[in-house]
Amino acid sequence: MTAGVTSITKARAQARRRTNTKVANHRTATFLIAIVGLLVVIGLGATLSASSVVALDGGFDRVHFFRRQAMWVGVGAVAMFSAARVPYQWYRRLSPVIFGVSAVGLVAVLAIGIEEGGATRWIDLGFTSFQPSELSKFAVVVFLAAALSRKERLLGDFAHFFAPVAVSLGLTTILLLRQPDFGTTLVVAAGAMAVILVSAAPLRHVLMTGALGLIAASVLAVSAPYRMARLTAFLSDDVDLLGAGYQLDQSLQALGTGGLFGIGLGQSRARWLFLPNAHTDFIFSIIGEEMGFAGAMFIVALFVALAVLGLVISLRAPDRFGRLLAIGLATWIVAQAFVNIGGVVGIVPISGIPLPFVSYGGTALVMAMASAGVLINIARQGRAGGIHRRR
């Protein structure tokens, strides 16, 4: 009799735990959808304001870029909710194919890509352009997460650990720097390092890889004249405000004009061709100008919340691959956001990369929303439990 009662009690306790886990997973997924939705809606509003003058100057109607971005939001929403329904475990089997497609795209852009602003980053598809580097952020994280989770018992051997890192991150870095695109290279490296940190690799391998990465990044930062000029402009107190320091100066003026609560939606002065790339890389400046410090900090808070959710999703993932995939995807999105914002406010050198979910740009928006969809799927499959211990 006592055994029967105990079994019933245990069954009820397990049922409650499963119910609580499902509720927690649903709440986490809902929060993530809400954060992405807010960022996308704010981005649409900011694009409408920031791009209107650029559109008129280019011979289009004032809502040209807004209309195109709204179309890409629709495509991104389909991508996000489709990815949310696809079991994330599928990406483990498809990781070599995804990485192969990404590598082919990076090679193709060097051969047939469009050169703009001294960089070759886009492939003209006729009806639109495609930026292969955006796919590379996802592809490297998926490939590394699959390889390091599959080799979990072999990672004590440095060769088994370093081979997938060299193949994925090494090859992608070389191809990205040929474009050149140093900003995206840093974002890809951030996502890859997050995967490596959470993997079962010994800490000595992680530290060695991190040290090599820092050395390589330092060398690359000063090896190209345009990167050296940006770094010099960032470090110098006597920068030419009509030359290398012009864009940052205009960005800071826009942010300063916004004050605490902004000058009003649609009232930006910087968009009148004073601030270059206002609707793309520097859209955060327009938000700060129109919505003030409060609006700008709200954007920052949303990305902080996304980082926390990404960590929670990773910790609750049902297996090592899910854990690595979640932390890698969340890291590249958040790292890109803070590299962009840091450049706009002058605390890091300008990188030329967009603000995820917010900046104008089709490929970047769709890939960020698709990655968020994968995170939603991992969140929905989450379970209670802590992280695996590093060996």
Protein backbone atom coordinates (compact mmCIF):
# COMPACT_ATOMS: atom_id res chain seq x y z
CA MET A 1 0.00 0.00 0.00
CA THR A 2 2.80 2.38 1.00
CA ALA A 3 4.71 1.60 -2.23
CA GLY A 4 1.59 2.35 -4.26
CA VAL A 5 1.07 5.71 -2.56
CA THR A 6 4.74 6.58 -3.06
CA SER A 7 4.54 5.73 -6.76
CA ILE A 8 1.44 7.92 -7.17
CA THR A 9 3.14 10.78 -5.32
CA LYS A 10 6.25 10.50 -7.52
CA ALA A 11 4.12 10.38 -10.68
CA ARG A 12 2.25 13.50 -9.62
CA ALA A 13 5.50 15.30 -8.77
CA GLN A 14 6.95 14.40 -12.17
CA ALA A 15 3.76 15.59 -13.89
CA ARG A 16 3.98 18.91 -12.02
CA ARG A 17 7.63 19.29 -13.02
CA ARG A 18 6.80 18.62 -16.67
CA THR A 19 3.95 21.13 -16.54
CA ASN A 20 6.13 23.76 -14.86
CA THR A 21 8.88 23.18 -17.43
CA LYS A 22 6.42 23.57 -20.32
CA VAL A 23 5.08 26.79 -18.82
CA ALA A 24 8.62 28.14 -18.31
CA ASN A 25 9.61 27.20 -21.87
CA HIS A 26 6.49 28.83 -23.31
CA ARG A 27 7.15 31.98 -21.30
CA THR A 28 10.78 32.15 -22.45
CA ALA A 29 9.79 31.69 -26.12
CA THR A 30 7.06 34.34 -25.77
CA PHE A 31 9.48 36.83 -24.22
CA LEU A 32 11.93 36.25 -27.07
CA ILE A 33 9.24 36.77 -29.71
CA ALA A 34 8.15 39.97 -27.93
CA ILE A 35 11.73 41.35 -27.84
CA VAL A 36 12.33 40.62 -31.51
CA GLY A 37 8.93 42.07 -32.41
CA LEU A 38 9.62 45.30 -30.51
CA LEU A 39 13.03 45.73 -32.14
CA VAL A 40 11.62 45.11 -35.61
CA VAL A 41 8.73 47.56 -35.12
CA ILE A 42 11.09 50.24 -33.76
CA GLY A 43 13.39 49.57 -36.69
CA LEU A 44 10.55 50.08 -39.18
CA GLY A 45 9.63 53.41 -37.61
CA ALA A 46 13.24 54.55 -37.51
CA THR A 47 13.77 53.45 -41.13
CA LEU A 48 10.74 55.48 -42.25
CA SER A 49 12.21 58.59 -40.66
CA ALA A 50 15.92 58.05 -41.35
CA SER A 51 15.58 56.99 -45.01
CA SER A 52 13.02 59.48 -46.29
CA VAL A 53 15.51 62.18 -47.29
CA VAL A 54 17.95 59.64 -48.75
CA ALA A 55 15.10 58.20 -50.83
CA LEU A 56 14.09 61.61 -52.18
CA ASP A 57 17.72 62.47 -52.90
CA GLY A 58 18.02 59.23 -54.88
CA GLY A 59 14.95 59.99 -57.01
CA PHE A 60 12.53 57.68 -55.17
CA ASP A 61 9.42 58.49 -53.15
CA ARG A 62 9.98 59.12 -49.46
CA VAL A 63 8.70 55.70 -48.32
CA HIS A 64 10.81 53.70 -50.81
CA PHE A 65 13.18 52.18 -48.25
CA PHE A 66 10.44 51.78 -45.66
CA ARG A 67 8.32 49.85 -48.14
CA ARG A 68 11.21 47.55 -49.00
CA GLN A 69 12.05 47.01 -45.34
CA ALA A 70 8.42 46.20 -44.56
CA MET A 71 8.56 43.55 -47.29
CA TRP A 72 11.68 42.06 -45.73
CA VAL A 73 10.01 42.09 -42.31
CA GLY A 74 7.31 39.89 -43.83
CA VAL A 75 9.93 37.52 -45.26
CA GLY A 76 11.79 37.54 -41.94
CA ALA A 77 8.61 36.75 -40.00
CA VAL A 78 7.97 33.73 -42.22
CA ALA A 79 11.61 32.64 -41.74
CA MET A 80 11.43 33.08 -37.95
CA PHE A 81 8.19 31.20 -37.38
CA SER A 82 9.18 28.47 -39.85
CA ALA A 83 12.53 28.02 -38.05
CA ALA A 84 10.65 27.94 -34.74
CA ARG A 85 8.73 24.88 -35.97
CA VAL A 86 11.73 22.98 -37.35
CA PRO A 87 13.37 20.77 -34.69
CA TYR A 88 16.80 22.30 -34.09
CA GLN A 89 18.34 18.81 -34.11
CA TRP A 90 17.99 18.82 -37.91
CA TYR A 91 20.73 21.45 -38.17
CA ARG A 92 23.21 19.01 -36.67
CA ARG A 93 22.85 16.72 -39.69
CA LEU A 94 22.68 19.61 -42.14
CA SER A 95 25.63 21.55 -40.68
CA PRO A 96 28.17 20.53 -43.40
CA VAL A 97 25.69 21.53 -46.12
CA ILE A 98 24.89 24.87 -44.46
CA PHE A 99 28.57 25.65 -44.02
CA GLY A 100 29.33 24.56 -47.59
CA VAL A 101 26.64 26.87 -48.99
CA SER A 102 28.03 29.72 -46.89
CA ALA A 103 31.60 29.11 -48.11
CA VAL A 104 30.47 28.95 -51.75
CA GLY A 105 28.59 32.21 -51.28
CA LEU A 106 31.66 33.93 -49.81
CA VAL A 107 33.77 32.72 -52.73
CA ALA A 108 31.10 33.75 -55.26
CA VAL A 109 30.86 37.28 -53.90
CA LEU A 110 34.59 37.74 -54.55
CA ALA A 111 34.12 36.60 -58.15
CA ILE A 112 30.82 38.21 -59.17
CA GLY A 113 29.95 40.52 -56.29
CA ILE A 114 29.02 44.18 -56.41
CA GLU A 115 31.67 46.62 -55.20
CA GLU A 116 30.33 49.45 -53.08
CA GLY A 117 32.23 51.76 -50.76
CA GLY A 118 35.50 49.95 -51.41
CA ALA A 119 34.09 46.55 -50.38
CA THR A 120 32.64 43.63 -52.33
CA ARG A 121 29.93 42.13 -50.13
CA TRP A 122 26.77 41.72 -52.22
CA ILE A 123 25.64 39.48 -55.06
CA ASP A 124 23.12 41.02 -57.46
CA LEU A 125 20.17 38.64 -57.94
CA GLY A 126 18.31 41.02 -60.26
CA PHE A 127 15.26 41.65 -58.08
CA THR A 128 17.38 42.18 -54.97
CA SER A 129 20.91 41.71 -53.62
CA PHE A 130 22.17 39.00 -51.28
CA GLN A 131 24.93 39.33 -48.68
CA PRO A 132 26.60 35.92 -48.09
CA SER A 133 28.45 37.17 -45.00
CA GLU A 134 25.13 37.26 -43.12
CA LEU A 135 24.68 33.52 -43.68
CA SER A 136 28.25 32.89 -42.49
CA LYS A 137 27.36 34.02 -38.94
CA PHE A 138 24.75 31.29 -38.71
CA ALA A 139 26.76 28.70 -40.63
CA VAL A 140 29.90 28.89 -38.47
CA VAL A 141 27.92 28.61 -35.24
CA VAL A 142 25.93 25.60 -36.53
CA PHE A 143 29.02 23.84 -37.90
CA LEU A 144 31.06 24.34 -34.73
CA ALA A 145 28.18 23.40 -32.43
CA ALA A 146 27.62 20.18 -34.38
CA ALA A 147 31.32 19.28 -34.61
CA LEU A 148 32.21 20.02 -30.97
CA SER A 149 29.15 18.23 -29.60
CA ARG A 150 29.80 15.21 -31.82
CA LYS A 151 33.49 15.09 -30.77
CA GLU A 152 32.73 15.72 -27.10
CA ARG A 153 34.73 12.72 -25.84
CA LEU A 154 37.71 13.50 -28.08
CA LEU A 155 38.18 17.20 -27.31
CA GLY A 156 41.01 16.49 -24.87
CA ASP A 157 43.12 15.93 -28.00
CA PHE A 158 44.00 19.38 -29.35
CA ALA A 159 43.94 18.16 -32.96
CA HIS A 160 40.33 16.96 -32.64
CA PHE A 161 39.38 20.28 -31.05
CA PHE A 162 41.27 22.61 -33.37
CA ALA A 163 40.42 20.95 -36.72
CA PRO A 164 36.73 22.07 -36.87
CA VAL A 165 37.69 25.50 -35.51
CA ALA A 166 40.33 25.97 -38.21
CA VAL A 167 38.05 24.71 -40.98
CA SER A 168 35.00 26.80 -40.08
CA LEU A 169 36.32 29.95 -38.44
CA GLY A 170 39.66 29.98 -40.27
CA LEU A 171 38.24 29.61 -43.77
CA THR A 172 35.39 32.04 -43.13
CA THR A 173 37.77 34.64 -41.70
CA ILE A 174 40.03 34.47 -44.74
CA LEU A 175 37.12 34.88 -47.16
CA LEU A 176 35.52 37.71 -45.16
CA LEU A 177 38.77 39.66 -44.98
CA ARG A 178 39.13 39.41 -48.76
CA GLN A 179 35.91 41.44 -49.19
CA PRO A 180 37.06 43.14 -46.85
CA ASP A 181 34.63 42.93 -43.89
CA PHE A 182 36.46 43.14 -40.57
CA GLY A 183 33.32 43.96 -38.59
CA THR A 184 31.51 40.79 -39.64
CA THR A 185 34.69 38.82 -38.99
CA LEU A 186 34.66 39.99 -35.36
CA VAL A 187 30.97 39.06 -34.99
CA VAL A 188 31.54 35.60 -36.47
CA ALA A 189 34.51 35.13 -34.13
CA ALA A 190 32.40 36.18 -31.12
CA GLY A 191 29.75 33.57 -31.92
CA ALA A 192 32.41 30.91 -32.49
CA MET A 193 34.20 31.71 -29.22
CA ALA A 194 30.93 31.45 -27.30
CA VAL A 195 30.41 27.95 -28.73
CA ILE A 196 33.98 27.00 -27.85
CA LEU A 197 33.64 28.32 -24.28
CA VAL A 198 30.50 26.29 -23.56
CA SER A 199 31.81 23.14 -25.25
CA ALA A 200 33.44 20.28 -23.36
CA ALA A 201 36.90 21.35 -24.56
CA PRO A 202 39.57 21.64 -21.85
CA LEU A 203 40.09 25.17 -20.60
CA ARG A 204 43.71 25.19 -21.82
CA HIS A 205 42.51 24.67 -25.41
CA VAL A 206 39.97 27.47 -25.03
CA LEU A 207 42.53 29.89 -23.62
CA MET A 208 45.04 29.04 -26.34
CA THR A 209 42.45 29.60 -29.06
CA GLY A 210 41.35 32.86 -27.47
CA ALA A 211 44.93 34.12 -27.26
CA LEU A 212 45.57 33.24 -30.91
CA GLY A 213 42.35 35.03 -31.87
CA LEU A 214 43.31 38.19 -29.99
CA ILE A 215 46.75 38.25 -31.60
CA ALA A 216 45.26 37.74 -35.06
CA ALA A 217 42.62 40.45 -34.48
CA SER A 218 45.28 42.93 -33.31
CA VAL A 219 47.44 42.28 -36.36
CA LEU A 220 44.51 42.51 -38.76
CA ALA A 221 43.25 45.74 -37.15
CA VAL A 222 46.40 47.59 -38.21
CA SER A 223 47.22 45.71 -41.42
CA ALA A 224 44.82 47.55 -43.75
CA PRO A 225 44.95 51.34 -44.32
CA TYR A 226 41.19 51.89 -43.91
CA ARG A 227 41.13 49.93 -40.63
CA MET A 228 44.20 51.80 -39.39
CA ALA A 229 42.52 55.11 -40.29
CA ARG A 230 39.42 54.18 -38.27
CA LEU A 231 41.54 53.08 -35.32
CA THR A 232 43.61 56.26 -35.46
CA ALA A 233 40.47 58.39 -35.64
CA PHE A 234 39.08 56.53 -32.63
CA LEU A 235 42.22 56.93 -30.50
CA SER A 236 43.19 60.46 -31.54
CA ASP A 237 42.07 63.57 -29.64
CA ASP A 238 42.92 65.74 -32.65
CA VAL A 239 40.83 64.10 -35.36
CA ASP A 240 39.77 65.83 -38.58
CA LEU A 241 36.04 66.45 -38.14
CA LEU A 242 35.64 66.99 -41.87
CA GLY A 243 37.56 63.83 -42.68
CA ALA A 244 37.96 60.57 -40.76
CA GLY A 245 36.05 61.88 -37.75
CA TYR A 246 33.08 63.36 -39.63
CA GLN A 247 30.64 60.46 -39.30
CA LEU A 248 31.23 59.94 -35.58
CA ASP A 249 30.99 63.68 -34.94
CA GLN A 250 27.62 63.88 -36.73
CA SER A 251 26.44 60.78 -34.85
CA LEU A 252 27.34 62.30 -31.48
CA GLN A 253 25.67 65.59 -32.42
CA ALA A 254 22.47 63.73 -33.29
CA LEU A 255 22.55 61.81 -30.00
CA GLY A 256 23.31 64.97 -28.04
CA THR A 257 20.46 66.84 -29.71
CA GLY A 258 18.02 64.19 -28.53
CA GLY A 259 18.43 65.02 -24.86
CA LEU A 260 16.46 62.90 -22.41
CA PHE A 261 13.26 62.25 -24.36
CA GLY A 262 14.16 63.24 -27.93
CA ILE A 263 13.00 65.92 -30.34
CA GLY A 264 10.04 63.88 -31.57
CA LEU A 265 9.36 61.03 -33.97
CA GLY A 266 10.05 61.96 -37.57
CA GLN A 267 11.79 65.21 -36.55
CA SER A 268 15.42 64.17 -37.06
CA ARG A 269 17.75 66.82 -38.41
CA ALA A 270 20.70 64.47 -38.91
CA ARG A 271 18.77 62.56 -41.63
CA TRP A 272 19.01 65.63 -43.91
CA LEU A 273 22.21 64.13 -45.37
CA PHE A 274 24.34 65.33 -42.47
CA LEU A 275 24.82 61.80 -41.11
CA PRO A 276 25.98 59.21 -43.70
CA ASN A 277 24.32 55.76 -43.54
CA ALA A 278 21.63 57.10 -41.21
CA HIS A 279 19.14 54.34 -42.04
CA THR A 280 21.68 51.50 -42.00
CA ASP A 281 24.76 51.43 -39.76
CA PHE A 282 23.87 54.62 -37.83
CA ILE A 283 20.15 54.16 -37.27
CA PHE A 284 20.78 54.10 -33.50
CA SER A 285 21.80 57.78 -33.77
CA ILE A 286 18.44 58.65 -35.34
CA ILE A 287 16.62 56.75 -32.60
CA GLY A 288 18.62 58.62 -29.95
CA GLU A 289 17.91 61.93 -31.63
CA GLU A 290 14.16 61.38 -31.99
CA MET A 291 13.48 59.32 -28.86
CA GLY A 292 16.24 60.69 -26.66
CA PHE A 293 18.38 58.94 -24.07
CA ALA A 294 15.32 57.09 -22.79
CA GLY A 295 14.57 55.60 -26.20
CA ALA A 296 18.21 54.70 -26.83
CA MET A 297 18.49 52.97 -23.46
CA PHE A 298 15.28 51.07 -24.16
CA ILE A 299 16.98 49.58 -27.24
CA VAL A 300 20.03 48.68 -25.14
CA ALA A 301 17.76 47.10 -22.51
CA LEU A 302 16.06 44.96 -25.15
CA PHE A 303 19.40 43.56 -26.30
CA VAL A 304 20.48 42.95 -22.69
CA ALA A 305 17.22 41.06 -22.16
CA LEU A 306 17.89 39.08 -25.35
CA ALA A 307 21.35 38.16 -24.02
CA VAL A 308 19.85 36.94 -20.73
CA LEU A 309 17.19 34.92 -22.56
CA GLY A 310 19.85 33.42 -24.82
CA LEU A 311 21.81 32.27 -21.76
CA VAL A 312 18.67 30.83 -20.14
CA ILE A 313 17.74 28.98 -23.34
CA SER A 314 21.27 27.59 -23.58
CA LEU A 315 21.25 26.38 -19.97
CA ARG A 316 17.89 24.66 -20.41
CA ALA A 317 18.68 23.05 -23.77
CA PRO A 318 18.07 19.28 -23.69
CA ASP A 319 21.46 18.34 -25.16
CA ARG A 320 24.96 19.66 -25.75
CA PHE A 321 24.30 20.59 -29.39
CA GLY A 322 21.28 22.69 -28.40
CA ARG A 323 23.29 24.35 -25.65
CA LEU A 324 26.14 25.28 -28.01
CA LEU A 325 23.81 26.36 -30.80
CA ALA A 326 21.75 28.61 -28.52
CA ILE A 327 24.71 30.37 -26.93
CA GLY A 328 26.40 30.87 -30.32
CA LEU A 329 23.35 32.37 -32.00
CA ALA A 330 22.49 34.64 -29.07
CA THR A 331 26.10 35.79 -28.81
CA TRP A 332 26.53 36.82 -32.44
CA ILE A 333 23.28 38.80 -32.38
CA VAL A 334 24.05 40.60 -29.13
CA ALA A 335 27.76 41.08 -29.95
CA GLN A 336 26.83 42.67 -33.27
CA ALA A 337 24.35 44.96 -31.53
CA PHE A 338 26.89 46.25 -29.06
CA VAL A 339 29.66 46.60 -31.65
CA ASN A 340 27.25 48.71 -33.73
CA ILE A 341 26.05 50.79 -30.77
CA GLY A 342 29.60 51.13 -29.46
CA GLY A 343 30.76 52.54 -32.80
CA VAL A 344 27.81 54.94 -32.97
CA VAL A 345 28.50 56.39 -29.51
CA GLY A 346 32.29 56.36 -29.94
CA ILE A 347 33.39 53.79 -27.36
CA VAL A 348 34.72 51.36 -30.00
CA PRO A 349 35.97 52.00 -33.56
CA ILE A 350 33.29 52.23 -36.25
CA SER A 351 32.79 48.78 -37.79
CA GLY A 352 30.25 49.32 -40.56
CA ILE A 353 27.89 46.54 -39.44
CA PRO A 354 24.12 46.99 -38.99
CA LEU A 355 22.08 46.94 -35.79
CA PRO A 356 20.27 43.56 -35.72
CA PHE A 357 16.48 43.69 -36.35
CA VAL A 358 16.61 47.50 -36.56
CA SER A 359 18.87 48.68 -39.39
CA TYR A 360 17.69 48.74 -42.99
CA GLY A 361 18.83 45.68 -44.94
CA GLY A 362 17.09 42.56 -46.20
CA THR A 363 19.63 39.75 -45.81
CA ALA A 364 20.72 40.90 -42.35
CA LEU A 365 17.13 41.17 -41.11
CA VAL A 366 16.01 37.80 -42.46
CA MET A 367 19.05 35.94 -41.08
CA ALA A 368 18.69 37.57 -37.65
CA MET A 369 14.98 36.68 -37.50
CA ALA A 370 15.64 33.13 -38.73
CA SER A 371 18.30 32.72 -36.02
CA ALA A 372 15.79 33.99 -33.46
CA GLY A 373 13.40 31.32 -34.75
CA VAL A 374 15.98 28.61 -34.04
CA LEU A 375 16.39 30.00 -30.52
CA ILE A 376 12.60 29.84 -30.06
CA ASN A 377 12.62 26.17 -31.07
CA ILE A 378 15.39 25.36 -28.58
CA ALA A 379 13.50 27.28 -25.88
CA ARG A 380 10.35 25.26 -26.49
CA GLN A 381 12.25 22.01 -26.03
CA GLY A 382 14.06 23.16 -22.89
CA ARG A 383 14.25 21.22 -19.67
CA ALA A 384 15.20 22.04 -16.10
CA GLY A 385 18.85 21.44 -15.26
CA GLY A 386 22.26 23.03 -15.07
CA ILE A 387 25.16 23.22 -17.45
CA HIS A 388 27.48 20.34 -18.24
CA ARG A 389 30.70 20.48 -16.30
CA ARG A 390 33.86 21.26 -18.22
CA ARG A 391 36.23 18.34 -18.14
